[in-house]
Amino acid sequence: MKIDYLTLFPEMFDGVLNHSILKRAQERELLQVNTVNFRDYSINKHNQVDDYPYGGGQGMVLKPEPVFNAMADLAVSDNTRIILMCPQGEPFTQRKAEELSHAEHIVFICGHYEGYDERIRTNLVTDEISIGDYVLTGGELPAMTMTDAIVRLIPGVLGNEQSHQDDSFSDGLLEFPQYTRPREFKGLTVPDVLLSGNHAHIEQWRHEQKLIRTYHKRPDLLESYPLTEQDKDFLEKYKLELKKE
């Protein structure tokens, strides 16, 4: 996968891209990254990339020329996903990360100031994405967050190909509780089922724990999760036990 970042602050990406999983992905030649300072593409002698909005209003708006000129220098194809980081965009989810992990080329347009000239949005972009219902100073941090979520799903990036399949949201539920050594710590013990060696019982326990955690922390996810009759029975019994306590 190749990822280009159009940004006014390319140095912000150095720490994230040069450590941990993202660094490993580049070393394995599974990921190629490139930051482009679109200020270099300004046609203004002062390298100005923003201007006052037509019609008046607060703040400054990114001009179209620097972004269009920077995009013209990239080797994009009809299959390139050009993502505008924008609070108005589609909410970023694990499902979206999985979809984008199959892309060969992604371009992130990271804006600043009050917003974008609408011609950027309507003529360059394939996806508008938001990482939450709040506003940040710029698109760099959301682009880094998305990059981490996407790249770890590329085959060969993680040491264990199965490791991300139990992550929260991967199957529509939150992840089950995890335990490691020591078996007992400050009087707190590991559930016996995890020490039983019975893999069928362990898988059942883990699935039930996922249902419980999702019920308590993100009940909205259960509305779209395809609950089996066994799942429904388990949850009903669990709710009855809670009422007794």
C-alpha atoms as a PDB file:
ATOM      1  CA  MET A   1       0.000   0.000   0.000  1.00  0.00           C
ATOM      2  CA  LYS A   2       1.125   3.537  -0.743  1.00  0.00           C
ATOM      3  CA  ILE A   3      -0.144   6.440   1.364  1.00  0.00           C
ATOM      4  CA  ASP A   4       0.350  10.114   0.520  1.00  0.00           C
ATOM      5  CA  TYR A   5      -0.423  12.830   3.055  1.00  0.00           C
ATOM      6  CA  LEU A   6      -1.197  16.339   1.850  1.00  0.00           C
ATOM      7  CA  THR A   7      -0.462  18.484   4.880  1.00  0.00           C
ATOM      8  CA  LEU A   8       0.904  21.823   6.018  1.00  0.00           C
ATOM      9  CA  PHE A   9       2.797  20.104   8.830  1.00  0.00           C
ATOM     10  CA  PRO A  10       4.630  17.046   7.425  1.00  0.00           C
ATOM     11  CA  GLU A  11       6.908  16.874  10.467  1.00  0.00           C
ATOM     12  CA  MET A  12       3.910  15.839  12.594  1.00  0.00           C
ATOM     13  CA  PHE A  13       3.939  12.420  10.928  1.00  0.00           C
ATOM     14  CA  ASP A  14       7.571  11.576  11.745  1.00  0.00           C
ATOM     15  CA  GLY A  15       6.990  10.080  15.169  1.00  0.00           C
ATOM     16  CA  VAL A  16       3.976   7.975  14.243  1.00  0.00           C
ATOM     17  CA  LEU A  17       5.266   6.634  10.937  1.00  0.00           C
ATOM     18  CA  ASN A  18       8.727   5.754  12.244  1.00  0.00           C
ATOM     19  CA  HIS A  19       7.801   3.583  15.206  1.00  0.00           C
ATOM     20  CA  SER A  20       6.108   0.308  16.070  1.00  0.00           C
ATOM     21  CA  ILE A  21       3.787  -1.411  13.578  1.00  0.00           C
ATOM     22  CA  LEU A  22       3.920   1.323  10.937  1.00  0.00           C
ATOM     23  CA  LYS A  23       7.712   1.305  10.883  1.00  0.00           C
ATOM     24  CA  ARG A  24       7.706  -2.490  10.647  1.00  0.00           C
ATOM     25  CA  ALA A  25       5.266  -2.383   7.735  1.00  0.00           C
ATOM     26  CA  GLN A  26       7.629  -0.081   5.838  1.00  0.00           C
ATOM     27  CA  GLU A  27      10.651  -2.239   6.622  1.00  0.00           C
ATOM     28  CA  ARG A  28       8.777  -5.255   5.236  1.00  0.00           C
ATOM     29  CA  GLU A  29       7.973  -3.200   2.106  1.00  0.00           C
ATOM     30  CA  LEU A  30       4.253  -3.593   2.754  1.00  0.00           C
ATOM     31  CA  LEU A  31       3.777   0.158   3.163  1.00  0.00           C
ATOM     32  CA  GLN A  32       5.201   3.189   1.393  1.00  0.00           C
ATOM     33  CA  VAL A  33       4.479   6.635   2.846  1.00  0.00           C
ATOM     34  CA  ASN A  34       5.015  10.122   1.492  1.00  0.00           C
ATOM     35  CA  THR A  35       4.242  13.525   3.005  1.00  0.00           C
ATOM     36  CA  VAL A  36       3.596  16.503   0.733  1.00  0.00           C
ATOM     37  CA  ASN A  37       3.555  20.061   2.016  1.00  0.00           C
ATOM     38  CA  PHE A  38       0.954  21.624  -0.224  1.00  0.00           C
ATOM     39  CA  ARG A  39       2.150  25.080   0.805  1.00  0.00           C
ATOM     40  CA  ASP A  40       4.928  24.435  -1.718  1.00  0.00           C
ATOM     41  CA  TYR A  41       2.260  24.435  -4.421  1.00  0.00           C
ATOM     42  CA  SER A  42       0.835  27.859  -3.609  1.00  0.00           C
ATOM     43  CA  ILE A  43       0.771  30.296  -6.517  1.00  0.00           C
ATOM     44  CA  ASN A  44       0.997  33.232  -4.116  1.00  0.00           C
ATOM     45  CA  LYS A  45       4.403  34.872  -3.653  1.00  0.00           C
ATOM     46  CA  HIS A  46       3.900  34.624   0.100  1.00  0.00           C
ATOM     47  CA  ASN A  47       3.008  30.912  -0.161  1.00  0.00           C
ATOM     48  CA  GLN A  48      -0.464  31.709   1.144  1.00  0.00           C
ATOM     49  CA  VAL A  49      -2.774  28.685   1.220  1.00  0.00           C
ATOM     50  CA  ASP A  50      -5.861  30.227   2.818  1.00  0.00           C
ATOM     51  CA  ASP A  51      -8.091  33.245   2.323  1.00  0.00           C
ATOM     52  CA  TYR A  52     -11.207  34.911   3.682  1.00  0.00           C
ATOM     53  CA  PRO A  53     -14.499  33.214   2.806  1.00  0.00           C
ATOM     54  CA  TYR A  54     -16.715  34.734   0.134  1.00  0.00           C
ATOM     55  CA  GLY A  55     -19.886  36.062   1.690  1.00  0.00           C
ATOM     56  CA  GLY A  56     -18.158  36.853   4.950  1.00  0.00           C
ATOM     57  CA  GLY A  57     -17.833  34.827   8.091  1.00  0.00           C
ATOM     58  CA  GLN A  58     -15.301  33.809  10.697  1.00  0.00           C
ATOM     59  CA  GLY A  59     -11.985  32.123  10.073  1.00  0.00           C
ATOM     60  CA  MET A  60      -9.999  31.321   6.953  1.00  0.00           C
ATOM     61  CA  VAL A  61     -10.679  28.808   4.187  1.00  0.00           C
ATOM     62  CA  LEU A  62      -8.132  26.644   2.358  1.00  0.00           C
ATOM     63  CA  LYS A  63      -7.697  27.788  -1.220  1.00  0.00           C
ATOM     64  CA  PRO A  64      -8.209  25.243  -4.012  1.00  0.00           C
ATOM     65  CA  GLU A  65      -5.043  25.898  -6.059  1.00  0.00           C
ATOM     66  CA  PRO A  66      -2.397  24.473  -3.662  1.00  0.00           C
ATOM     67  CA  VAL A  67      -4.344  21.253  -3.089  1.00  0.00           C
ATOM     68  CA  PHE A  68      -5.243  20.755  -6.763  1.00  0.00           C
ATOM     69  CA  ASN A  69      -1.636  21.449  -7.803  1.00  0.00           C
ATOM     70  CA  ALA A  70      -0.251  19.027  -5.209  1.00  0.00           C
ATOM     71  CA  MET A  71      -2.696  16.323  -6.313  1.00  0.00           C
ATOM     72  CA  ALA A  72      -1.617  16.790  -9.936  1.00  0.00           C
ATOM     73  CA  ASP A  73       1.915  15.800  -8.910  1.00  0.00           C
ATOM     74  CA  LEU A  74       0.784  12.493  -7.397  1.00  0.00           C
ATOM     75  CA  ALA A  75       0.508   9.279  -9.405  1.00  0.00           C
ATOM     76  CA  VAL A  76      -3.183   8.721  -8.726  1.00  0.00           C
ATOM     77  CA  SER A  77      -5.403   6.269 -10.584  1.00  0.00           C
ATOM     78  CA  ASP A  78      -9.124   5.624 -10.794  1.00  0.00           C
ATOM     79  CA  ASN A  79      -8.693   3.237  -7.851  1.00  0.00           C
ATOM     80  CA  THR A  80      -6.951   5.742  -5.563  1.00  0.00           C
ATOM     81  CA  ARG A  81      -8.954   6.513  -2.426  1.00  0.00           C
ATOM     82  CA  ILE A  82      -8.682  10.264  -1.832  1.00  0.00           C
ATOM     83  CA  ILE A  83      -9.827  10.921   1.719  1.00  0.00           C
ATOM     84  CA  LEU A  84     -10.813  14.305   3.060  1.00  0.00           C
ATOM     85  CA  MET A  85     -10.511  14.451   6.842  1.00  0.00           C
ATOM     86  CA  CYS A  86     -13.639  16.340   7.793  1.00  0.00           C
ATOM     87  CA  PRO A  87     -16.004  16.460  10.816  1.00  0.00           C
ATOM     88  CA  GLN A  88     -18.916  16.323   8.356  1.00  0.00           C
ATOM     89  CA  GLY A  89     -17.721  13.002   6.951  1.00  0.00           C
ATOM     90  CA  GLU A  90     -18.757   9.392   7.356  1.00  0.00           C
ATOM     91  CA  PRO A  91     -17.847   8.080  10.831  1.00  0.00           C
ATOM     92  CA  PHE A  92     -14.696   5.977  10.781  1.00  0.00           C
ATOM     93  CA  THR A  93     -15.310   2.406  11.928  1.00  0.00           C
ATOM     94  CA  GLN A  94     -13.489  -0.905  12.037  1.00  0.00           C
ATOM     95  CA  ARG A  95     -15.490  -1.971   8.992  1.00  0.00           C
ATOM     96  CA  LYS A  96     -14.248   1.082   7.096  1.00  0.00           C
ATOM     97  CA  ALA A  97     -10.689   0.293   8.164  1.00  0.00           C
ATOM     98  CA  GLU A  98     -11.074  -3.241   6.797  1.00  0.00           C
ATOM     99  CA  GLU A  99     -12.429  -1.881   3.512  1.00  0.00           C
ATOM    100  CA  LEU A 100      -9.570   0.605   3.119  1.00  0.00           C
ATOM    101  CA  SER A 101      -6.946  -2.016   4.020  1.00  0.00           C
ATOM    102  CA  HIS A 102      -7.524  -3.501   0.545  1.00  0.00           C
ATOM    103  CA  ALA A 103      -6.677  -0.239  -1.234  1.00  0.00           C
ATOM    104  CA  GLU A 104      -3.373  -0.007  -3.093  1.00  0.00           C
ATOM    105  CA  HIS A 105      -3.148   3.772  -2.863  1.00  0.00           C
ATOM    106  CA  ILE A 106      -4.649   6.223  -0.354  1.00  0.00           C
ATOM    107  CA  VAL A 107      -4.291   9.996  -0.260  1.00  0.00           C
ATOM    108  CA  PHE A 108      -5.194  11.862   2.932  1.00  0.00           C
ATOM    109  CA  ILE A 109      -5.997  15.555   2.541  1.00  0.00           C
ATOM    110  CA  CYS A 110      -5.329  17.149   5.921  1.00  0.00           C
ATOM    111  CA  GLY A 111      -6.761  20.625   6.204  1.00  0.00           C
ATOM    112  CA  HIS A 112      -6.434  23.410   8.718  1.00  0.00           C
ATOM    113  CA  TYR A 113      -8.243  26.659   9.428  1.00  0.00           C
ATOM    114  CA  GLU A 114     -12.024  27.016   9.161  1.00  0.00           C
ATOM    115  CA  GLY A 115     -12.576  24.657   6.253  1.00  0.00           C
ATOM    116  CA  TYR A 116     -11.977  23.793   2.607  1.00  0.00           C
ATOM    117  CA  ASP A 117     -12.953  25.526  -0.577  1.00  0.00           C
ATOM    118  CA  GLU A 118     -15.933  23.436  -1.689  1.00  0.00           C
ATOM    119  CA  ARG A 119     -14.300  22.710  -5.065  1.00  0.00           C
ATOM    120  CA  ILE A 120     -11.759  20.509  -3.268  1.00  0.00           C
ATOM    121  CA  ARG A 121     -14.570  18.470  -1.747  1.00  0.00           C
ATOM    122  CA  THR A 122     -16.616  18.101  -4.925  1.00  0.00           C
ATOM    123  CA  ASN A 123     -13.869  17.543  -7.510  1.00  0.00           C
ATOM    124  CA  LEU A 124     -11.009  15.670  -5.841  1.00  0.00           C
ATOM    125  CA  VAL A 125     -12.375  13.563  -3.034  1.00  0.00           C
ATOM    126  CA  THR A 126     -13.665   9.967  -3.040  1.00  0.00           C
ATOM    127  CA  ASP A 127     -14.311   9.725   0.725  1.00  0.00           C
ATOM    128  CA  GLU A 128     -15.080  12.222   3.479  1.00  0.00           C
ATOM    129  CA  ILE A 129     -14.325  10.684   6.869  1.00  0.00           C
ATOM    130  CA  SER A 130     -14.620  11.832  10.479  1.00  0.00           C
ATOM    131  CA  ILE A 131     -13.148  10.093  13.526  1.00  0.00           C
ATOM    132  CA  GLY A 132     -15.753  11.546  15.866  1.00  0.00           C
ATOM    133  CA  ASP A 133     -18.327  14.223  16.546  1.00  0.00           C
ATOM    134  CA  TYR A 134     -15.858  16.894  17.559  1.00  0.00           C
ATOM    135  CA  VAL A 135     -13.593  19.380  15.815  1.00  0.00           C
ATOM    136  CA  LEU A 136      -9.775  19.283  15.818  1.00  0.00           C
ATOM    137  CA  THR A 137      -7.309  21.930  14.700  1.00  0.00           C
ATOM    138  CA  GLY A 138      -6.368  19.938  11.612  1.00  0.00           C
ATOM    139  CA  GLY A 139      -6.641  16.643   9.803  1.00  0.00           C
ATOM    140  CA  GLU A 140      -3.196  15.287  10.669  1.00  0.00           C
ATOM    141  CA  LEU A 141      -4.112  13.493  13.897  1.00  0.00           C
ATOM    142  CA  PRO A 142      -7.199  11.816  12.385  1.00  0.00           C
ATOM    143  CA  ALA A 143      -5.136  10.715   9.372  1.00  0.00           C
ATOM    144  CA  MET A 144      -2.540   9.144  11.680  1.00  0.00           C
ATOM    145  CA  THR A 145      -5.256   7.371  13.657  1.00  0.00           C
ATOM    146  CA  MET A 146      -6.812   5.986  10.502  1.00  0.00           C
ATOM    147  CA  THR A 147      -3.427   4.927   9.133  1.00  0.00           C
ATOM    148  CA  ASP A 148      -2.694   2.853  12.227  1.00  0.00           C
ATOM    149  CA  ALA A 149      -6.119   1.198  12.128  1.00  0.00           C
ATOM    150  CA  ILE A 150      -5.860   0.433   8.389  1.00  0.00           C
ATOM    151  CA  VAL A 151      -2.255  -0.707   8.046  1.00  0.00           C
ATOM    152  CA  ARG A 152      -2.378  -3.238  10.906  1.00  0.00           C
ATOM    153  CA  LEU A 153      -5.002  -5.123   8.873  1.00  0.00           C
ATOM    154  CA  ILE A 154      -2.737  -5.576   5.833  1.00  0.00           C
ATOM    155  CA  PRO A 155      -1.640  -9.229   5.604  1.00  0.00           C
ATOM    156  CA  GLY A 156       1.930  -9.634   6.849  1.00  0.00           C
ATOM    157  CA  VAL A 157       2.035  -6.478   8.963  1.00  0.00           C
ATOM    158  CA  LEU A 158       1.186  -8.125  12.285  1.00  0.00           C
ATOM    159  CA  GLY A 159       3.253 -11.080  13.413  1.00  0.00           C
ATOM    160  CA  ASN A 160       0.127 -13.179  14.007  1.00  0.00           C
ATOM    161  CA  GLU A 161      -2.364 -12.981  11.163  1.00  0.00           C
ATOM    162  CA  GLN A 162      -5.219 -13.942  13.506  1.00  0.00           C
ATOM    163  CA  SER A 163      -4.421 -11.382  16.202  1.00  0.00           C
ATOM    164  CA  HIS A 164      -6.687  -8.619  14.929  1.00  0.00           C
ATOM    165  CA  GLN A 165      -9.691 -10.886  14.411  1.00  0.00           C
ATOM    166  CA  ASP A 166     -10.586 -10.822  18.116  1.00  0.00           C
ATOM    167  CA  ASP A 167     -10.251  -7.046  18.398  1.00  0.00           C
ATOM    168  CA  SER A 168     -13.216  -5.023  19.535  1.00  0.00           C
ATOM    169  CA  PHE A 169     -15.638  -4.280  16.668  1.00  0.00           C
ATOM    170  CA  SER A 170     -14.062  -6.846  14.317  1.00  0.00           C
ATOM    171  CA  ASP A 171     -17.162  -9.037  14.529  1.00  0.00           C
ATOM    172  CA  GLY A 172     -19.540  -6.377  15.812  1.00  0.00           C
ATOM    173  CA  LEU A 173     -18.916  -6.986  19.528  1.00  0.00           C
ATOM    174  CA  LEU A 174     -16.433  -5.691  22.084  1.00  0.00           C
ATOM    175  CA  GLU A 175     -13.411  -7.834  22.879  1.00  0.00           C
ATOM    176  CA  PHE A 176     -13.488 -10.448  25.654  1.00  0.00           C
ATOM    177  CA  PRO A 177     -11.372 -10.044  28.860  1.00  0.00           C
ATOM    178  CA  GLN A 178      -7.719 -11.055  28.569  1.00  0.00           C
ATOM    179  CA  TYR A 179      -5.459 -12.527  31.266  1.00  0.00           C
ATOM    180  CA  THR A 180      -1.791 -13.502  31.502  1.00  0.00           C
ATOM    181  CA  ARG A 181       0.704 -14.652  34.174  1.00  0.00           C
ATOM    182  CA  PRO A 182       0.787 -14.696  37.134  1.00  0.00           C
ATOM    183  CA  ARG A 183      -2.221 -16.929  37.783  1.00  0.00           C
ATOM    184  CA  GLU A 184      -2.867 -15.126  41.073  1.00  0.00           C
ATOM    185  CA  PHE A 185      -2.029 -11.490  41.785  1.00  0.00           C
ATOM    186  CA  LYS A 186      -2.945  -9.723  45.041  1.00  0.00           C
ATOM    187  CA  GLY A 187      -5.660 -12.296  45.640  1.00  0.00           C
ATOM    188  CA  LEU A 188      -7.082 -11.804  42.159  1.00  0.00           C
ATOM    189  CA  THR A 189      -7.221 -15.008  40.120  1.00  0.00           C
ATOM    190  CA  VAL A 190      -7.622 -15.975  36.481  1.00  0.00           C
ATOM    191  CA  PRO A 191     -11.005 -17.588  35.591  1.00  0.00           C
ATOM    192  CA  ASP A 192     -10.752 -21.368  35.859  1.00  0.00           C
ATOM    193  CA  VAL A 193     -12.142 -21.944  32.364  1.00  0.00           C
ATOM    194  CA  LEU A 194      -9.060 -20.323  30.806  1.00  0.00           C
ATOM    195  CA  LEU A 195      -6.858 -22.833  32.607  1.00  0.00           C
ATOM    196  CA  SER A 196      -8.992 -25.849  31.740  1.00  0.00           C
ATOM    197  CA  GLY A 197      -7.430 -26.653  28.372  1.00  0.00           C
ATOM    198  CA  ASN A 198     -10.947 -27.210  26.982  1.00  0.00           C
ATOM    199  CA  HIS A 199     -10.903 -25.002  23.892  1.00  0.00           C
ATOM    200  CA  ALA A 200     -14.613 -25.382  23.176  1.00  0.00           C
ATOM    201  CA  HIS A 201     -15.477 -24.168  26.674  1.00  0.00           C
ATOM    202  CA  ILE A 202     -12.953 -21.348  26.397  1.00  0.00           C
ATOM    203  CA  GLU A 203     -14.439 -20.150  23.087  1.00  0.00           C
ATOM    204  CA  GLN A 204     -17.944 -20.287  24.538  1.00  0.00           C
ATOM    205  CA  TRP A 205     -16.844 -18.330  27.631  1.00  0.00           C
ATOM    206  CA  ARG A 206     -15.103 -15.715  25.500  1.00  0.00           C
ATOM    207  CA  HIS A 207     -18.142 -15.251  23.278  1.00  0.00           C
ATOM    208  CA  GLU A 208     -20.410 -14.879  26.292  1.00  0.00           C
ATOM    209  CA  GLN A 209     -18.031 -12.344  27.820  1.00  0.00           C
ATOM    210  CA  LYS A 210     -18.124 -10.368  24.578  1.00  0.00           C
ATOM    211  CA  LEU A 211     -21.919 -10.284  24.781  1.00  0.00           C
ATOM    212  CA  ILE A 212     -21.784  -9.150  28.421  1.00  0.00           C
ATOM    213  CA  ARG A 213     -19.238  -6.409  27.780  1.00  0.00           C
ATOM    214  CA  THR A 214     -21.121  -5.140  24.751  1.00  0.00           C
ATOM    215  CA  TYR A 215     -24.395  -5.165  26.704  1.00  0.00           C
ATOM    216  CA  HIS A 216     -22.876  -3.006  29.444  1.00  0.00           C
ATOM    217  CA  LYS A 217     -20.615  -0.691  27.450  1.00  0.00           C
ATOM    218  CA  ARG A 218     -22.082  -0.456  23.943  1.00  0.00           C
ATOM    219  CA  PRO A 219     -25.632  -1.825  23.934  1.00  0.00           C
ATOM    220  CA  ASP A 220     -26.241  -0.004  20.661  1.00  0.00           C
ATOM    221  CA  LEU A 221     -23.973  -2.538  18.924  1.00  0.00           C
ATOM    222  CA  LEU A 222     -26.298  -5.380  19.882  1.00  0.00           C
ATOM    223  CA  GLU A 223     -29.100  -3.792  17.839  1.00  0.00           C
ATOM    224  CA  SER A 224     -27.283  -4.608  14.596  1.00  0.00           C
ATOM    225  CA  TYR A 225     -25.462  -7.767  15.726  1.00  0.00           C
ATOM    226  CA  PRO A 226     -26.974 -11.028  14.398  1.00  0.00           C
ATOM    227  CA  LEU A 227     -27.799 -12.604  17.764  1.00  0.00           C
ATOM    228  CA  THR A 228     -28.461 -16.333  17.653  1.00  0.00           C
ATOM    229  CA  GLU A 229     -31.249 -17.874  19.706  1.00  0.00           C
ATOM    230  CA  GLN A 230     -28.564 -19.156  22.061  1.00  0.00           C
ATOM    231  CA  ASP A 231     -27.180 -15.607  22.388  1.00  0.00           C
ATOM    232  CA  LYS A 232     -30.635 -14.253  23.177  1.00  0.00           C
ATOM    233  CA  ASP A 233     -31.264 -16.922  25.804  1.00  0.00           C
ATOM    234  CA  PHE A 234     -27.892 -16.236  27.415  1.00  0.00           C
ATOM    235  CA  LEU A 235     -28.519 -12.492  27.597  1.00  0.00           C
ATOM    236  CA  GLU A 236     -32.005 -12.939  29.017  1.00  0.00           C
ATOM    237  CA  LYS A 237     -30.677 -15.210  31.743  1.00  0.00           C
ATOM    238  CA  TYR A 238     -27.853 -12.770  32.423  1.00  0.00           C
ATOM    239  CA  LYS A 239     -30.281  -9.861  32.780  1.00  0.00           C
ATOM    240  CA  LEU A 240     -32.423 -11.873  35.189  1.00  0.00           C
ATOM    241  CA  GLU A 241     -29.347 -12.628  37.304  1.00  0.00           C
ATOM    242  CA  LEU A 242     -28.542  -8.922  37.438  1.00  0.00           C
ATOM    243  CA  LYS A 243     -32.017  -8.126  38.728  1.00  0.00           C
ATOM    244  CA  LYS A 244     -31.585 -10.635  41.551  1.00  0.00           C
ATOM    245  CA  GLU A 245     -28.380  -9.005  42.761  1.00  0.00           C
END
